[in-house]
Amino acid sequence: MSESDANSFIRYECSDRIATITLNRPEKLNAFNDLMVMRLARVLHEFDIDENADVAVLRGEGRAFCSGADVHQRQLRSAEELKKHGGSQGWNANASELFVRAINWKPVISAPHGFAVGLGLGMVLESEMIVAEAGTRFQVTETSRGLASSRYWALLRFRGAGSFATDVALTGRFFTAEEALAAGVVDRVAPKGEQLQQAYELARQMSLNPPLSVRATVRTRRWYMDQAEREAYLQTTPLKLHTTEDFKESARAFAEKRKAGPFKGQ
């Protein structure tokens, strides 16, 4: 994928003080590779410094919000590349840094539908508020891919999910928008096809307030969120799970569309 392709896969628009950031790779269910992560970082910066924007709505085109990382590009790297990058994410393409590099700290509302898994779930959880379409399915895919799910556990706990965070992080099972609402993870569940309408209404309510007071709260929230994520990484980064045989088998099985295992615990 070229940089121009990555640019077209994430769109930025702004109207009436509300920005819309659209994940636009529907034929791949908006799966992210390194260039798309870097492009989204630039778009979030564009929003952050846009004098005409107070709030952003993050949405996905097509059947799903985001199916996570592009396994073929990120997790099937050579052993040499994985060691060089320190993991499956490319240099300067760490998705966990997308929401913590800001100047003005404006709020982002995510409006997931269809699926939001792995990297896609992370973006949703890091957003200030979540308006999910009824029936949206979420998943911590790192669990089944041989990687640490600690970051997602930390984000779910940060949003107040309690034991539910441990359940979905250890099992790696799909969970629905309705379950997430009951656990306090998402803020609203909208009827089919109405998540964007409700997200924009929420954005309009935010934009009526003095912007600096809103941004002060966003800045504080993201500081504590970033702290929770960093503590999780401190626990798991030294394990170097991206170098294990279990990780390699999980990635190969996904690419070959077969059941993974047996796992070796190494």
Protein backbone atom coordinates (compact mmCIF):
# COMPACT_ATOMS: atom_id res chain seq x y z
CA MET A 1 0.00 0.00 0.00
CA SER A 2 1.28 3.45 -0.92
CA GLU A 3 0.98 6.55 1.24
CA SER A 4 -1.64 7.96 -1.16
CA ASP A 5 -3.71 4.80 -0.65
CA ALA A 6 -3.49 5.22 3.12
CA ASN A 7 -4.64 8.83 2.76
CA SER A 8 -7.78 7.75 0.92
CA PHE A 9 -8.49 5.07 3.52
CA ILE A 10 -9.05 7.68 6.24
CA ARG A 11 -11.15 10.76 5.45
CA TYR A 12 -11.45 14.01 7.37
CA GLU A 13 -14.37 16.44 7.07
CA CYS A 14 -15.70 19.24 9.26
CA SER A 15 -19.06 21.00 9.41
CA ASP A 16 -20.76 23.13 12.08
CA ARG A 17 -17.87 22.72 14.55
CA ILE A 18 -18.06 18.91 14.36
CA ALA A 19 -15.40 16.88 12.55
CA THR A 20 -16.03 13.48 11.03
CA ILE A 21 -13.17 10.98 10.78
CA THR A 22 -14.08 8.04 8.55
CA LEU A 23 -12.23 4.75 8.32
CA ASN A 24 -12.61 4.03 4.61
CA ARG A 25 -11.23 0.61 3.71
CA PRO A 26 -14.53 -1.29 3.62
CA GLU A 27 -13.33 -4.14 1.38
CA LYS A 28 -10.94 -5.12 4.23
CA LEU A 29 -13.45 -4.28 6.98
CA ASN A 30 -11.26 -1.24 7.75
CA ALA A 31 -8.30 -3.37 8.87
CA PHE A 32 -5.28 -1.24 9.79
CA ASN A 33 -1.72 -1.56 8.53
CA ASP A 34 1.22 0.64 9.58
CA LEU A 35 0.58 3.38 7.01
CA MET A 36 -3.05 3.69 8.10
CA VAL A 37 -2.04 4.07 11.75
CA MET A 38 0.36 6.84 10.76
CA ARG A 39 -2.31 8.44 8.57
CA LEU A 40 -4.84 8.39 11.43
CA ALA A 41 -2.25 10.00 13.70
CA ARG A 42 -1.93 12.85 11.18
CA VAL A 43 -5.72 13.18 10.84
CA LEU A 44 -6.19 13.32 14.62
CA HIS A 45 -3.53 16.05 14.70
CA GLU A 46 -5.36 17.90 11.91
CA PHE A 47 -8.53 17.75 13.99
CA ASP A 48 -6.65 18.81 17.11
CA ILE A 49 -5.38 22.02 15.49
CA ASP A 50 -8.46 22.74 13.33
CA GLU A 51 -9.83 26.07 14.58
CA ASN A 52 -13.25 25.20 13.13
CA ALA A 53 -13.63 21.90 15.02
CA ASP A 54 -14.58 21.31 18.66
CA VAL A 55 -15.59 17.63 18.66
CA ALA A 56 -14.90 14.67 16.36
CA VAL A 57 -17.03 11.64 15.51
CA LEU A 58 -15.04 8.54 14.54
CA ARG A 59 -16.89 6.13 12.26
CA GLY A 60 -16.27 3.25 9.87
CA GLU A 61 -17.45 2.81 6.27
CA GLY A 62 -19.07 -0.44 5.15
CA ARG A 63 -20.08 -3.50 7.18
CA ALA A 64 -17.81 -2.90 10.16
CA PHE A 65 -16.21 -0.16 12.19
CA CYS A 66 -12.81 -1.89 12.21
CA SER A 67 -11.70 -5.52 12.08
CA GLY A 68 -8.42 -4.70 13.83
CA ALA A 69 -4.86 -4.91 12.58
CA ASP A 70 -4.05 -6.19 9.10
CA VAL A 71 -2.59 -9.55 10.13
CA HIS A 72 -1.00 -10.16 6.73
CA GLN A 73 1.03 -6.95 7.02
CA ARG A 74 1.67 -6.61 10.76
CA GLN A 75 1.67 -10.04 12.40
CA LEU A 76 3.19 -12.07 9.57
CA ARG A 77 6.37 -10.03 9.56
CA SER A 78 9.67 -11.90 9.50
CA ALA A 79 11.32 -12.73 12.83
CA GLU A 80 13.96 -10.14 12.00
CA GLU A 81 11.35 -7.41 11.49
CA LEU A 82 9.49 -8.33 14.67
CA LYS A 83 12.69 -8.02 16.69
CA LYS A 84 13.63 -4.77 14.96
CA HIS A 85 10.26 -3.18 15.69
CA GLY A 86 9.92 -4.70 19.15
CA GLY A 87 6.56 -6.20 18.19
CA SER A 88 4.08 -6.54 15.35
CA GLN A 89 3.53 -2.78 15.06
CA GLY A 90 5.87 -0.87 12.78
CA TRP A 91 8.15 1.91 13.96
CA ASN A 92 6.11 5.07 14.66
CA ALA A 93 2.90 3.10 14.00
CA ASN A 94 1.87 2.24 17.55
CA ALA A 95 -1.92 2.51 17.74
CA SER A 96 -1.86 2.96 21.52
CA GLU A 97 -0.31 6.43 21.03
CA LEU A 98 -3.03 7.81 18.76
CA PHE A 99 -5.08 9.54 21.45
CA VAL A 100 -2.32 10.75 23.77
CA ARG A 101 -0.40 13.04 21.40
CA ALA A 102 -2.51 16.17 21.51
CA ILE A 103 -2.09 19.89 21.92
CA ASN A 104 -5.68 21.04 22.44
CA TRP A 105 -7.25 17.82 23.81
CA LYS A 106 -10.58 17.89 21.99
CA PRO A 107 -13.13 15.10 22.63
CA VAL A 108 -13.68 12.19 20.25
CA ILE A 109 -16.93 10.21 20.10
CA SER A 110 -16.72 6.79 18.45
CA ALA A 111 -19.75 5.34 16.68
CA PRO A 112 -18.97 1.65 16.11
CA HIS A 113 -21.16 -0.75 14.18
CA GLY A 114 -20.84 -4.30 12.91
CA PHE A 115 -17.49 -5.30 14.40
CA ALA A 116 -14.87 -3.45 16.44
CA VAL A 117 -12.15 -5.89 17.39
CA GLY A 118 -8.49 -5.76 18.40
CA LEU A 119 -7.01 -2.44 17.32
CA GLY A 120 -10.53 -1.26 16.47
CA LEU A 121 -11.73 -2.01 19.99
CA GLY A 122 -8.76 -0.10 21.35
CA MET A 123 -9.71 3.04 19.42
CA VAL A 124 -13.28 2.76 20.65
CA LEU A 125 -12.22 2.36 24.29
CA GLU A 126 -9.84 5.31 24.09
CA SER A 127 -12.54 7.63 22.73
CA GLU A 128 -14.18 9.94 25.25
CA MET A 129 -17.66 8.54 24.60
CA ILE A 130 -19.03 5.54 22.71
CA VAL A 131 -22.36 5.37 20.85
CA ALA A 132 -22.62 1.83 19.49
CA GLU A 133 -25.15 0.46 17.06
CA ALA A 134 -27.31 -2.29 18.53
CA GLY A 135 -25.77 -5.70 17.92
CA THR A 136 -22.21 -4.41 17.42
CA ARG A 137 -19.72 -7.12 18.36
CA PHE A 138 -16.44 -6.46 20.12
CA GLN A 139 -13.47 -8.74 20.81
CA VAL A 140 -10.04 -8.66 22.44
CA THR A 141 -8.31 -10.54 19.60
CA GLU A 142 -4.85 -10.39 21.19
CA THR A 143 -5.81 -13.25 23.49
CA SER A 144 -6.24 -15.74 20.64
CA ARG A 145 -3.26 -14.31 18.70
CA GLY A 146 -0.71 -15.18 21.38
CA LEU A 147 -0.23 -11.56 22.46
CA ALA A 148 -0.89 -9.88 25.80
CA SER A 149 -4.44 -8.58 26.25
CA SER A 150 -3.34 -6.53 29.28
CA ARG A 151 -3.77 -3.18 27.54
CA TYR A 152 -7.40 -3.97 26.71
CA TRP A 153 -8.01 -5.28 30.23
CA ALA A 154 -6.61 -1.98 31.55
CA LEU A 155 -8.79 0.11 29.21
CA LEU A 156 -11.91 -1.87 30.07
CA ARG A 157 -11.15 -1.53 33.79
CA PHE A 158 -10.50 2.18 33.24
CA ARG A 159 -14.00 2.50 31.81
CA GLY A 160 -15.38 0.77 34.93
CA ALA A 161 -15.95 -2.74 33.56
CA GLY A 162 -14.79 -4.58 36.69
CA SER A 163 -14.80 -8.37 36.43
CA PHE A 164 -16.27 -8.12 32.92
CA ALA A 165 -12.84 -6.88 31.78
CA THR A 166 -11.20 -10.03 33.07
CA ASP A 167 -13.86 -12.23 31.45
CA VAL A 168 -13.47 -10.89 27.91
CA ALA A 169 -9.69 -10.43 28.13
CA LEU A 170 -9.01 -14.00 29.29
CA THR A 171 -11.58 -15.79 27.11
CA GLY A 172 -11.14 -13.62 24.00
CA ARG A 173 -14.84 -14.13 23.33
CA PHE A 174 -17.03 -11.77 21.34
CA PHE A 175 -19.25 -9.51 23.41
CA THR A 176 -22.11 -7.34 22.24
CA ALA A 177 -22.88 -3.65 22.52
CA GLU A 178 -25.70 -4.56 24.88
CA GLU A 179 -23.33 -6.46 27.19
CA ALA A 180 -20.88 -3.58 27.03
CA LEU A 181 -23.62 -1.10 27.97
CA ALA A 182 -24.62 -3.22 30.97
CA ALA A 183 -20.96 -3.40 32.05
CA GLY A 184 -20.55 0.38 31.76
CA VAL A 185 -18.14 0.16 28.82
CA VAL A 186 -20.21 1.99 26.18
CA ASP A 187 -22.29 5.09 26.85
CA ARG A 188 -25.25 4.48 24.53
CA VAL A 189 -26.63 1.74 22.31
CA ALA A 190 -28.54 3.14 19.33
CA PRO A 191 -31.09 1.30 17.19
CA LYS A 192 -29.80 -0.12 13.91
CA GLY A 193 -28.56 2.64 11.63
CA GLU A 194 -29.01 5.42 14.22
CA GLN A 195 -25.62 5.42 15.96
CA LEU A 196 -24.26 8.30 13.87
CA GLN A 197 -27.35 10.43 14.45
CA GLN A 198 -27.02 9.97 18.20
CA ALA A 199 -23.26 10.53 18.12
CA TYR A 200 -23.70 13.83 16.27
CA GLU A 201 -26.39 14.92 18.74
CA LEU A 202 -23.99 14.20 21.60
CA ALA A 203 -21.27 16.12 19.77
CA ARG A 204 -23.59 19.12 19.34
CA GLN A 205 -24.28 19.12 23.08
CA MET A 206 -20.55 19.17 23.80
CA SER A 207 -19.89 21.93 21.27
CA LEU A 208 -22.35 24.27 23.04
CA ASN A 209 -20.04 24.42 26.08
CA PRO A 210 -16.99 26.69 26.45
CA PRO A 211 -14.37 24.64 24.59
CA LEU A 212 -11.51 25.13 27.04
CA SER A 213 -13.49 23.66 29.92
CA VAL A 214 -14.35 20.60 27.82
CA ARG A 215 -10.72 20.14 26.77
CA ALA A 216 -9.51 20.38 30.36
CA THR A 217 -11.61 17.35 31.24
CA VAL A 218 -10.44 15.47 28.13
CA ARG A 219 -6.82 16.18 28.99
CA THR A 220 -7.26 14.88 32.54
CA ARG A 221 -9.13 11.78 31.39
CA ARG A 222 -6.52 10.87 28.81
CA TRP A 223 -3.66 11.37 31.28
CA TYR A 224 -5.16 8.77 33.62
CA MET A 225 -6.03 6.50 30.69
CA ASP A 226 -2.47 6.71 29.37
CA GLN A 227 -1.11 5.93 32.81
CA ALA A 228 -3.25 2.76 33.00
CA GLU A 229 -2.06 1.62 29.57
CA ARG A 230 1.61 2.32 30.32
CA GLU A 231 1.45 0.32 33.52
CA ALA A 232 0.00 -2.62 31.58
CA TYR A 233 2.79 -2.38 29.00
CA LEU A 234 5.42 -2.33 31.74
CA GLN A 235 4.13 -5.70 32.88
CA THR A 236 4.02 -7.37 29.47
CA THR A 237 6.64 -5.81 27.18
CA PRO A 238 9.55 -7.72 28.79
CA LEU A 239 7.76 -11.01 27.98
CA LYS A 240 8.34 -10.45 24.23
CA LEU A 241 5.33 -12.57 23.31
CA HIS A 242 5.73 -11.53 19.65
CA THR A 243 8.80 -13.80 19.47
CA THR A 244 7.09 -16.96 20.74
CA GLU A 245 6.06 -20.02 18.75
CA ASP A 246 2.48 -19.59 19.95
CA PHE A 247 2.30 -16.12 18.37
CA LYS A 248 3.72 -17.40 15.09
CA GLU A 249 1.27 -20.32 15.00
CA SER A 250 -1.69 -18.03 15.71
CA ALA A 251 -0.71 -15.66 12.89
CA ARG A 252 -0.15 -18.51 10.41
CA ALA A 253 -3.48 -20.13 11.33
CA PHE A 254 -5.33 -16.86 10.75
CA ALA A 255 -3.70 -16.37 7.35
CA GLU A 256 -4.41 -20.01 6.39
CA LYS A 257 -7.99 -19.82 7.70
CA ARG A 258 -7.65 -22.81 10.02
CA LYS A 259 -7.90 -23.49 13.72
CA ALA A 260 -4.72 -22.60 15.60
CA GLY A 261 -2.79 -24.97 17.85
CA PRO A 262 -1.74 -27.05 19.58
CA PHE A 263 0.12 -24.40 21.51
CA LYS A 264 3.50 -25.01 23.11
CA GLY A 265 3.57 -22.32 25.76
CA GLN A 266 6.79 -20.98 24.30
